[in-house]
Amino acid sequence: MALGSTGAAIASPVLNNWVFNPTGGGFSNGQVINEYLDINGNAFIQLTPNGGTAFAFKETAVFNIKQADSNGQSFSKNFRGGNITATFEAVGTGIFGGAFTFSGGTVRMYHNPTNGQYGGTSGHYGADLGNMIAEFNVLGGGGMVDQAGIPTRNGQVSVFAQAAPGMLDAGYFFNKAGQDLSTESILSFAFTNANALSRPTGTLVTEVACQFAGFNGPGCNGGTYANRPGSYFFIGANGQFKLGQNPAPVPEPGSFALFGIALLAAGAAARKRKAA
């Protein structure tokens, strides 16, 4: 009910049976995506307390996109050279022991024809190599955090973003009728489960915290890195990346928040029915 009413309010349904070609080879050679691309990666969070229980934050993240719909069909295997990665940079505000929200940022997706680059030292953790195929401007989203500002255990984090016409490269994204989405205004909805990463590797610290995020603390200028809850820390995240065609005019940020809540509620109901 919530999904239907909210979806109607913003007139922006999630796309089903759209087509993605990880090598940019066009609609006929692409893969039908029932609902989502699988994403997994890591993020470095830097918090700035604003007095009382409030804080501002900056998030810098890298992601690998290996398959769709959790189907086990690797893009790199089925599409030779179909290696897709992404970066995420965002800022926002929150309350310790409460909710946080994104106020802006950018999602960038890359196609790198070379295997085995993600997790390395080229670029930023190998996540921003090759051709940038999509860029989305963050409009909102958020989640819940504990008293140290860390997402609650296995907490659900949502990100809502928009790509204007021309921000998607031609040849990669299509609706089920074969129309190239590079000419459209497209929304994206990302939902990830986030958990604190207590022992990030030295490569992750150097590449993501020191180089990408511009962190200057221990592990970057001498000393040994360790998470400092309430100040800075790494999280691991995995989840889903969905697309939706954009209505006109663009929905208000509050509508996106409601839409996200509705999607999560619908997903929970579906899992409950499946378990029954």
C-alpha atoms as a PDB file:
ATOM      1  CA  MET A   1       0.000   0.000   0.000  1.00  0.00           C
ATOM      2  CA  ALA A   2       2.754   2.445   0.972  1.00  0.00           C
ATOM      3  CA  LEU A   3       4.765   1.608  -2.116  1.00  0.00           C
ATOM      4  CA  GLY A   4       1.798   2.055  -4.396  1.00  0.00           C
ATOM      5  CA  SER A   5       0.645   5.355  -2.941  1.00  0.00           C
ATOM      6  CA  THR A   6       4.132   6.844  -2.687  1.00  0.00           C
ATOM      7  CA  GLY A   7       5.111   5.599  -6.109  1.00  0.00           C
ATOM      8  CA  ALA A   8       2.018   7.238  -7.541  1.00  0.00           C
ATOM      9  CA  ALA A   9       2.838  10.463  -5.741  1.00  0.00           C
ATOM     10  CA  ILE A  10       6.246  10.765  -7.378  1.00  0.00           C
ATOM     11  CA  ALA A  11       5.303   8.854 -10.570  1.00  0.00           C
ATOM     12  CA  SER A  12       8.694   7.152 -10.652  1.00  0.00           C
ATOM     13  CA  PRO A  13       8.505   3.346 -10.604  1.00  0.00           C
ATOM     14  CA  VAL A  14      11.654   1.280 -10.336  1.00  0.00           C
ATOM     15  CA  LEU A  15      12.512  -0.131 -13.759  1.00  0.00           C
ATOM     16  CA  ASN A  16      12.122  -3.874 -14.255  1.00  0.00           C
ATOM     17  CA  ASN A  17      13.510  -5.964 -17.111  1.00  0.00           C
ATOM     18  CA  TRP A  18      15.787  -3.174 -18.265  1.00  0.00           C
ATOM     19  CA  VAL A  19      18.950  -4.023 -20.186  1.00  0.00           C
ATOM     20  CA  PHE A  20      22.549  -3.388 -19.229  1.00  0.00           C
ATOM     21  CA  ASN A  21      25.524  -3.993 -21.500  1.00  0.00           C
ATOM     22  CA  PRO A  22      28.702  -3.961 -19.340  1.00  0.00           C
ATOM     23  CA  THR A  23      30.934  -3.348 -22.355  1.00  0.00           C
ATOM     24  CA  GLY A  24      28.813  -0.626 -23.967  1.00  0.00           C
ATOM     25  CA  GLY A  25      27.982  -2.891 -26.902  1.00  0.00           C
ATOM     26  CA  GLY A  26      24.344  -1.934 -27.263  1.00  0.00           C
ATOM     27  CA  PHE A  27      20.886  -3.286 -26.509  1.00  0.00           C
ATOM     28  CA  SER A  28      20.915  -6.516 -28.541  1.00  0.00           C
ATOM     29  CA  ASN A  29      24.048  -7.843 -26.803  1.00  0.00           C
ATOM     30  CA  GLY A  30      23.096  -6.743 -23.294  1.00  0.00           C
ATOM     31  CA  GLN A  31      21.793  -8.615 -20.253  1.00  0.00           C
ATOM     32  CA  VAL A  32      18.213  -8.281 -19.028  1.00  0.00           C
ATOM     33  CA  ILE A  33      18.211  -6.927 -15.470  1.00  0.00           C
ATOM     34  CA  ASN A  34      15.135  -8.053 -13.597  1.00  0.00           C
ATOM     35  CA  GLU A  35      15.540  -5.382 -10.945  1.00  0.00           C
ATOM     36  CA  TYR A  36      19.033  -4.476  -9.712  1.00  0.00           C
ATOM     37  CA  LEU A  37      22.805  -4.545 -10.040  1.00  0.00           C
ATOM     38  CA  ASP A  38      24.653  -6.149  -7.108  1.00  0.00           C
ATOM     39  CA  ILE A  39      27.103  -3.786  -5.405  1.00  0.00           C
ATOM     40  CA  ASN A  40      29.715  -4.419  -2.709  1.00  0.00           C
ATOM     41  CA  GLY A  41      32.527  -2.315  -1.347  1.00  0.00           C
ATOM     42  CA  ASN A  42      33.911  -0.175   1.453  1.00  0.00           C
ATOM     43  CA  ALA A  43      33.470   3.370   2.699  1.00  0.00           C
ATOM     44  CA  PHE A  44      35.539   5.700   4.861  1.00  0.00           C
ATOM     45  CA  ILE A  45      33.452   7.972   7.097  1.00  0.00           C
ATOM     46  CA  GLN A  46      34.704  11.188   8.694  1.00  0.00           C
ATOM     47  CA  LEU A  47      32.520  12.830  11.363  1.00  0.00           C
ATOM     48  CA  THR A  48      32.587  16.408  12.637  1.00  0.00           C
ATOM     49  CA  PRO A  49      30.595  16.931  15.868  1.00  0.00           C
ATOM     50  CA  ASN A  50      28.463  20.092  15.738  1.00  0.00           C
ATOM     51  CA  GLY A  51      27.644  20.382  19.423  1.00  0.00           C
ATOM     52  CA  GLY A  52      25.266  18.306  21.481  1.00  0.00           C
ATOM     53  CA  THR A  53      24.394  15.106  19.636  1.00  0.00           C
ATOM     54  CA  ALA A  54      24.581  16.549  16.117  1.00  0.00           C
ATOM     55  CA  PHE A  55      27.318  15.877  13.579  1.00  0.00           C
ATOM     56  CA  ALA A  56      28.258  16.522   9.959  1.00  0.00           C
ATOM     57  CA  PHE A  57      29.896  13.799   7.912  1.00  0.00           C
ATOM     58  CA  LYS A  58      31.784  13.070   4.730  1.00  0.00           C
ATOM     59  CA  GLU A  59      31.680   9.631   3.103  1.00  0.00           C
ATOM     60  CA  THR A  60      34.146   8.382   0.501  1.00  0.00           C
ATOM     61  CA  ALA A  61      33.510   4.919  -0.931  1.00  0.00           C
ATOM     62  CA  VAL A  62      34.529   2.423  -3.611  1.00  0.00           C
ATOM     63  CA  PHE A  63      32.370  -0.363  -5.046  1.00  0.00           C
ATOM     64  CA  ASN A  64      32.618  -3.360  -7.332  1.00  0.00           C
ATOM     65  CA  ILE A  65      29.654  -4.425  -9.498  1.00  0.00           C
ATOM     66  CA  LYS A  66      30.071  -8.052 -10.560  1.00  0.00           C
ATOM     67  CA  GLN A  67      26.569  -9.279 -11.411  1.00  0.00           C
ATOM     68  CA  ALA A  68      22.857  -8.528 -11.411  1.00  0.00           C
ATOM     69  CA  ASP A  69      19.853  -9.881  -9.494  1.00  0.00           C
ATOM     70  CA  SER A  70      22.176 -12.072  -7.364  1.00  0.00           C
ATOM     71  CA  ASN A  71      22.199 -14.552 -10.265  1.00  0.00           C
ATOM     72  CA  GLY A  72      25.850 -15.604 -10.041  1.00  0.00           C
ATOM     73  CA  GLN A  73      26.462 -14.682 -13.698  1.00  0.00           C
ATOM     74  CA  SER A  74      29.648 -12.625 -13.557  1.00  0.00           C
ATOM     75  CA  PHE A  75      29.819  -9.699 -15.971  1.00  0.00           C
ATOM     76  CA  SER A  76      33.566 -10.201 -16.442  1.00  0.00           C
ATOM     77  CA  LYS A  77      33.000 -13.855 -17.373  1.00  0.00           C
ATOM     78  CA  ASN A  78      29.940 -13.501 -19.585  1.00  0.00           C
ATOM     79  CA  PHE A  79      30.995 -10.161 -21.094  1.00  0.00           C
ATOM     80  CA  ARG A  80      34.725 -10.268 -21.747  1.00  0.00           C
ATOM     81  CA  GLY A  81      36.044  -6.958 -20.462  1.00  0.00           C
ATOM     82  CA  GLY A  82      32.805  -6.184 -18.640  1.00  0.00           C
ATOM     83  CA  ASN A  83      34.337  -4.965 -15.391  1.00  0.00           C
ATOM     84  CA  ILE A  84      32.135  -2.365 -13.676  1.00  0.00           C
ATOM     85  CA  THR A  85      33.158  -0.359 -10.600  1.00  0.00           C
ATOM     86  CA  ALA A  86      31.895   2.764  -8.876  1.00  0.00           C
ATOM     87  CA  THR A  87      32.865   5.549  -6.505  1.00  0.00           C
ATOM     88  CA  PHE A  88      30.664   7.429  -4.083  1.00  0.00           C
ATOM     89  CA  GLU A  89      31.369  10.778  -2.437  1.00  0.00           C
ATOM     90  CA  ALA A  90      28.744  12.414  -0.252  1.00  0.00           C
ATOM     91  CA  VAL A  91      28.165  14.738   2.683  1.00  0.00           C
ATOM     92  CA  GLY A  92      25.353  15.090   5.160  1.00  0.00           C
ATOM     93  CA  THR A  93      24.299  15.514   8.771  1.00  0.00           C
ATOM     94  CA  GLY A  94      23.064  13.287  11.556  1.00  0.00           C
ATOM     95  CA  ILE A  95      22.358  12.704  15.225  1.00  0.00           C
ATOM     96  CA  PHE A  96      24.444  10.349  17.363  1.00  0.00           C
ATOM     97  CA  GLY A  97      22.134   7.502  18.303  1.00  0.00           C
ATOM     98  CA  GLY A  98      19.594   8.622  15.700  1.00  0.00           C
ATOM     99  CA  ALA A  99      19.223   9.184  11.979  1.00  0.00           C
ATOM    100  CA  PHE A 100      21.528  10.619   9.349  1.00  0.00           C
ATOM    101  CA  THR A 101      20.712  12.048   5.930  1.00  0.00           C
ATOM    102  CA  PHE A 102      22.689  12.771   2.767  1.00  0.00           C
ATOM    103  CA  SER A 103      22.523  16.357   1.555  1.00  0.00           C
ATOM    104  CA  GLY A 104      24.613  16.028  -1.598  1.00  0.00           C
ATOM    105  CA  GLY A 105      27.247  14.047  -3.415  1.00  0.00           C
ATOM    106  CA  THR A 106      28.086  12.109  -6.549  1.00  0.00           C
ATOM    107  CA  VAL A 107      27.900   8.497  -7.714  1.00  0.00           C
ATOM    108  CA  ARG A 108      30.212   7.622 -10.625  1.00  0.00           C
ATOM    109  CA  MET A 109      30.264   4.298 -12.475  1.00  0.00           C
ATOM    110  CA  TYR A 110      33.204   3.056 -14.571  1.00  0.00           C
ATOM    111  CA  HIS A 111      33.787   0.421 -17.235  1.00  0.00           C
ATOM    112  CA  ASN A 112      37.330  -0.918 -17.131  1.00  0.00           C
ATOM    113  CA  PRO A 113      38.147  -3.557 -19.795  1.00  0.00           C
ATOM    114  CA  THR A 114      41.128  -4.864 -17.786  1.00  0.00           C
ATOM    115  CA  ASN A 115      40.477  -7.752 -15.369  1.00  0.00           C
ATOM    116  CA  GLY A 116      41.625  -7.708 -11.751  1.00  0.00           C
ATOM    117  CA  GLN A 117      42.001  -3.953 -11.285  1.00  0.00           C
ATOM    118  CA  TYR A 118      39.547  -3.472  -8.415  1.00  0.00           C
ATOM    119  CA  GLY A 119      41.243  -3.678  -5.018  1.00  0.00           C
ATOM    120  CA  GLY A 120      44.625  -2.609  -6.386  1.00  0.00           C
ATOM    121  CA  THR A 121      46.686   0.563  -6.221  1.00  0.00           C
ATOM    122  CA  SER A 122      45.908   2.052  -9.630  1.00  0.00           C
ATOM    123  CA  GLY A 123      43.597   5.039  -9.449  1.00  0.00           C
ATOM    124  CA  HIS A 124      41.739   4.893  -6.145  1.00  0.00           C
ATOM    125  CA  TYR A 125      41.623   1.216  -5.154  1.00  0.00           C
ATOM    126  CA  GLY A 126      41.083   0.399  -8.831  1.00  0.00           C
ATOM    127  CA  ALA A 127      37.518   1.737  -8.617  1.00  0.00           C
ATOM    128  CA  ASP A 128      37.818   4.733 -10.956  1.00  0.00           C
ATOM    129  CA  LEU A 129      39.733   3.298 -13.908  1.00  0.00           C
ATOM    130  CA  GLY A 130      38.699   3.089 -17.548  1.00  0.00           C
ATOM    131  CA  ASN A 131      35.723   4.931 -18.970  1.00  0.00           C
ATOM    132  CA  MET A 132      33.242   6.732 -16.707  1.00  0.00           C
ATOM    133  CA  ILE A 133      29.880   5.509 -18.007  1.00  0.00           C
ATOM    134  CA  ALA A 134      27.458   7.168 -15.582  1.00  0.00           C
ATOM    135  CA  GLU A 135      27.292  10.015 -13.109  1.00  0.00           C
ATOM    136  CA  PHE A 136      24.449  10.653 -10.669  1.00  0.00           C
ATOM    137  CA  ASN A 137      23.931  13.639  -8.363  1.00  0.00           C
ATOM    138  CA  VAL A 138      22.877  12.603  -4.857  1.00  0.00           C
ATOM    139  CA  LEU A 139      19.499  14.034  -3.820  1.00  0.00           C
ATOM    140  CA  GLY A 140      18.943  12.336  -0.468  1.00  0.00           C
ATOM    141  CA  GLY A 141      18.768   9.141   1.514  1.00  0.00           C
ATOM    142  CA  GLY A 142      20.205   8.073   4.861  1.00  0.00           C
ATOM    143  CA  GLY A 143      19.873   5.569   7.674  1.00  0.00           C
ATOM    144  CA  MET A 144      20.300   5.021  11.403  1.00  0.00           C
ATOM    145  CA  VAL A 145      23.496   5.195  13.497  1.00  0.00           C
ATOM    146  CA  ASP A 146      24.526   4.220  17.005  1.00  0.00           C
ATOM    147  CA  GLN A 147      25.929   6.494  19.721  1.00  0.00           C
ATOM    148  CA  ALA A 148      29.330   6.540  17.956  1.00  0.00           C
ATOM    149  CA  GLY A 149      27.864   7.536  14.586  1.00  0.00           C
ATOM    150  CA  ILE A 150      28.396   4.069  13.079  1.00  0.00           C
ATOM    151  CA  PRO A 151      25.504   2.575  11.073  1.00  0.00           C
ATOM    152  CA  THR A 152      23.524   0.212  13.269  1.00  0.00           C
ATOM    153  CA  ARG A 153      24.580  -3.403  12.853  1.00  0.00           C
ATOM    154  CA  ASN A 154      23.703  -4.565   9.345  1.00  0.00           C
ATOM    155  CA  GLY A 155      21.921  -1.241   9.063  1.00  0.00           C
ATOM    156  CA  GLN A 156      20.092  -0.312   5.885  1.00  0.00           C
ATOM    157  CA  VAL A 157      21.561   2.742   4.151  1.00  0.00           C
ATOM    158  CA  SER A 158      19.726   4.308   1.212  1.00  0.00           C
ATOM    159  CA  VAL A 159      20.956   6.711  -1.463  1.00  0.00           C
ATOM    160  CA  PHE A 160      18.698   8.468  -3.986  1.00  0.00           C
ATOM    161  CA  ALA A 161      20.302  10.204  -6.965  1.00  0.00           C
ATOM    162  CA  GLN A 162      19.556  11.600 -10.413  1.00  0.00           C
ATOM    163  CA  ALA A 163      21.285  11.643 -13.812  1.00  0.00           C
ATOM    164  CA  ALA A 164      20.227  14.326 -16.275  1.00  0.00           C
ATOM    165  CA  PRO A 165      20.217  13.575 -20.019  1.00  0.00           C
ATOM    166  CA  GLY A 166      23.785  13.045 -21.177  1.00  0.00           C
ATOM    167  CA  MET A 167      25.106  11.893 -17.788  1.00  0.00           C
ATOM    168  CA  LEU A 168      24.814   8.229 -18.847  1.00  0.00           C
ATOM    169  CA  ASP A 169      27.023   7.042 -21.713  1.00  0.00           C
ATOM    170  CA  ALA A 170      25.255   5.660 -24.762  1.00  0.00           C
ATOM    171  CA  GLY A 171      25.378   1.908 -25.331  1.00  0.00           C
ATOM    172  CA  TYR A 172      25.168   0.750 -21.686  1.00  0.00           C
ATOM    173  CA  PHE A 173      21.698   1.369 -20.235  1.00  0.00           C
ATOM    174  CA  PHE A 174      18.381   0.624 -21.996  1.00  0.00           C
ATOM    175  CA  ASN A 175      14.745   0.223 -21.074  1.00  0.00           C
ATOM    176  CA  LYS A 176      13.029  -3.029 -22.006  1.00  0.00           C
ATOM    177  CA  ALA A 177      11.799  -1.535 -25.290  1.00  0.00           C
ATOM    178  CA  GLY A 178      15.394  -0.900 -26.372  1.00  0.00           C
ATOM    179  CA  GLN A 179      15.474   2.849 -25.828  1.00  0.00           C
ATOM    180  CA  ASP A 180      18.922   4.095 -24.805  1.00  0.00           C
ATOM    181  CA  LEU A 181      18.535   5.742 -21.395  1.00  0.00           C
ATOM    182  CA  SER A 182      21.419   8.144 -22.023  1.00  0.00           C
ATOM    183  CA  THR A 183      18.870  10.544 -23.525  1.00  0.00           C
ATOM    184  CA  GLU A 184      16.563  10.387 -20.483  1.00  0.00           C
ATOM    185  CA  SER A 185      16.493  11.862 -16.994  1.00  0.00           C
ATOM    186  CA  ILE A 186      17.086   8.818 -14.789  1.00  0.00           C
ATOM    187  CA  LEU A 187      16.837   8.189 -11.049  1.00  0.00           C
ATOM    188  CA  SER A 188      18.893   5.674  -9.097  1.00  0.00           C
ATOM    189  CA  PHE A 189      18.050   3.997  -5.803  1.00  0.00           C
ATOM    190  CA  ALA A 190      20.839   2.259  -3.900  1.00  0.00           C
ATOM    191  CA  PHE A 191      20.198   0.213  -0.772  1.00  0.00           C
ATOM    192  CA  THR A 192      23.123  -1.313   1.138  1.00  0.00           C
ATOM    193  CA  ASN A 193      23.623  -3.193   4.378  1.00  0.00           C
ATOM    194  CA  ALA A 194      26.437  -1.470   6.279  1.00  0.00           C
ATOM    195  CA  ASN A 195      28.666  -2.810   9.063  1.00  0.00           C
ATOM    196  CA  ALA A 196      31.772  -1.455  10.767  1.00  0.00           C
ATOM    197  CA  LEU A 197      35.001  -2.838   9.275  1.00  0.00           C
ATOM    198  CA  SER A 198      37.280  -3.260  12.268  1.00  0.00           C
ATOM    199  CA  ARG A 199      40.445  -4.262  10.413  1.00  0.00           C
ATOM    200  CA  PRO A 200      40.734  -2.560   7.015  1.00  0.00           C
ATOM    201  CA  THR A 201      43.713  -3.663   4.968  1.00  0.00           C
ATOM    202  CA  GLY A 202      46.706  -1.382   4.536  1.00  0.00           C
ATOM    203  CA  THR A 203      45.846  -0.990   0.860  1.00  0.00           C
ATOM    204  CA  LEU A 204      42.291   0.077   1.690  1.00  0.00           C
ATOM    205  CA  VAL A 205      43.553   2.637   4.210  1.00  0.00           C
ATOM    206  CA  THR A 206      46.146   4.075   1.839  1.00  0.00           C
ATOM    207  CA  GLU A 207      43.959   4.115  -1.255  1.00  0.00           C
ATOM    208  CA  VAL A 208      40.576   5.144   0.136  1.00  0.00           C
ATOM    209  CA  ALA A 209      41.253   7.031   3.380  1.00  0.00           C
ATOM    210  CA  CYS A 210      44.599   8.690   2.680  1.00  0.00           C
ATOM    211  CA  GLN A 211      44.461   9.261  -1.070  1.00  0.00           C
ATOM    212  CA  PHE A 212      40.794   9.381  -2.025  1.00  0.00           C
ATOM    213  CA  ALA A 213      39.294  10.933   1.122  1.00  0.00           C
ATOM    214  CA  GLY A 214      42.303  13.150   1.930  1.00  0.00           C
ATOM    215  CA  PHE A 215      42.606  11.816   5.490  1.00  0.00           C
ATOM    216  CA  ASN A 216      45.790  12.921   7.282  1.00  0.00           C
ATOM    217  CA  GLY A 217      45.580  10.882  10.478  1.00  0.00           C
ATOM    218  CA  PRO A 218      47.409   7.768  11.711  1.00  0.00           C
ATOM    219  CA  GLY A 219      48.188   5.340   8.919  1.00  0.00           C
ATOM    220  CA  CYS A 220      48.716   8.149   6.409  1.00  0.00           C
ATOM    221  CA  ASN A 221      51.431  10.276   8.017  1.00  0.00           C
ATOM    222  CA  GLY A 222      53.055   7.657  10.191  1.00  0.00           C
ATOM    223  CA  GLY A 223      51.572   5.540  12.928  1.00  0.00           C
ATOM    224  CA  THR A 224      49.116   2.691  12.586  1.00  0.00           C
ATOM    225  CA  TYR A 225      45.562   3.208  11.438  1.00  0.00           C
ATOM    226  CA  ALA A 226      42.719   2.219  13.755  1.00  0.00           C
ATOM    227  CA  ASN A 227      39.042   3.169  13.587  1.00  0.00           C
ATOM    228  CA  ARG A 228      38.089   5.938  15.998  1.00  0.00           C
ATOM    229  CA  PRO A 229      34.330   5.692  16.621  1.00  0.00           C
ATOM    230  CA  GLY A 230      32.737   9.103  16.828  1.00  0.00           C
ATOM    231  CA  SER A 231      35.426  10.552  14.578  1.00  0.00           C
ATOM    232  CA  TYR A 232      36.415   8.306  11.638  1.00  0.00           C
ATOM    233  CA  PHE A 233      36.013   4.666  10.635  1.00  0.00           C
ATOM    234  CA  PHE A 234      35.585   2.213   7.767  1.00  0.00           C
ATOM    235  CA  ILE A 235      32.430   0.310   6.943  1.00  0.00           C
ATOM    236  CA  GLY A 236      31.772  -2.594   4.600  1.00  0.00           C
ATOM    237  CA  ALA A 237      28.638  -2.476   2.464  1.00  0.00           C
ATOM    238  CA  ASN A 238      26.773  -4.674   0.020  1.00  0.00           C
ATOM    239  CA  GLY A 239      23.415  -4.186  -1.592  1.00  0.00           C
ATOM    240  CA  GLN A 240      21.429  -3.264  -4.678  1.00  0.00           C
ATOM    241  CA  PHE A 241      21.495  -0.499  -7.278  1.00  0.00           C
ATOM    242  CA  LYS A 242      18.186   0.174  -9.058  1.00  0.00           C
ATOM    243  CA  LEU A 243      17.043   2.552 -11.768  1.00  0.00           C
ATOM    244  CA  GLY A 244      13.834   4.520 -12.211  1.00  0.00           C
ATOM    245  CA  GLN A 245      12.709   6.890 -14.947  1.00  0.00           C
ATOM    246  CA  ASN A 246      12.413  10.439 -13.715  1.00  0.00           C
ATOM    247  CA  PRO A 247       9.103  12.279 -13.525  1.00  0.00           C
ATOM    248  CA  ALA A 248       8.760  15.986 -14.228  1.00  0.00           C
ATOM    249  CA  PRO A 249       9.121  18.010 -12.147  1.00  0.00           C
ATOM    250  CA  VAL A 250      11.796  16.409  -9.962  1.00  0.00           C
ATOM    251  CA  PRO A 251      10.287  15.148  -6.669  1.00  0.00           C
ATOM    252  CA  GLU A 252      11.052  16.956  -3.444  1.00  0.00           C
ATOM    253  CA  PRO A 253      13.717  15.287  -1.207  1.00  0.00           C
ATOM    254  CA  GLY A 254      10.998  14.362   1.289  1.00  0.00           C
ATOM    255  CA  SER A 255       9.239  12.342  -1.397  1.00  0.00           C
ATOM    256  CA  PHE A 256      12.447  10.398  -2.016  1.00  0.00           C
ATOM    257  CA  ALA A 257      12.687   9.603   1.685  1.00  0.00           C
ATOM    258  CA  LEU A 258       9.109   8.340   1.709  1.00  0.00           C
ATOM    259  CA  PHE A 259       9.760   6.322  -1.433  1.00  0.00           C
ATOM    260  CA  GLY A 260      12.775   4.707   0.194  1.00  0.00           C
ATOM    261  CA  ILE A 261      10.774   3.801   3.297  1.00  0.00           C
ATOM    262  CA  ALA A 262       8.061   2.330   1.084  1.00  0.00           C
ATOM    263  CA  LEU A 263      10.556   0.235  -0.867  1.00  0.00           C
ATOM    264  CA  LEU A 264      12.122  -1.102   2.318  1.00  0.00           C
ATOM    265  CA  ALA A 265       8.704  -1.921   3.752  1.00  0.00           C
ATOM    266  CA  ALA A 266       7.711  -3.706   0.553  1.00  0.00           C
ATOM    267  CA  GLY A 267      10.945  -5.700   0.601  1.00  0.00           C
ATOM    268  CA  ALA A 268      10.394  -6.713   4.233  1.00  0.00           C
ATOM    269  CA  ALA A 269       6.851  -7.819   3.459  1.00  0.00           C
ATOM    270  CA  ALA A 270       8.059  -9.870   0.506  1.00  0.00           C
ATOM    271  CA  ARG A 271      10.688 -11.608   2.671  1.00  0.00           C
ATOM    272  CA  LYS A 272       8.058 -12.343   5.292  1.00  0.00           C
ATOM    273  CA  ARG A 273       5.745 -13.904   2.708  1.00  0.00           C
ATOM    274  CA  LYS A 274       8.618 -15.984   1.334  1.00  0.00           C
ATOM    275  CA  ALA A 275       9.521 -17.234   4.809  1.00  0.00           C
ATOM    276  CA  ALA A 276       5.892 -18.186   5.444  1.00  0.00           C
END
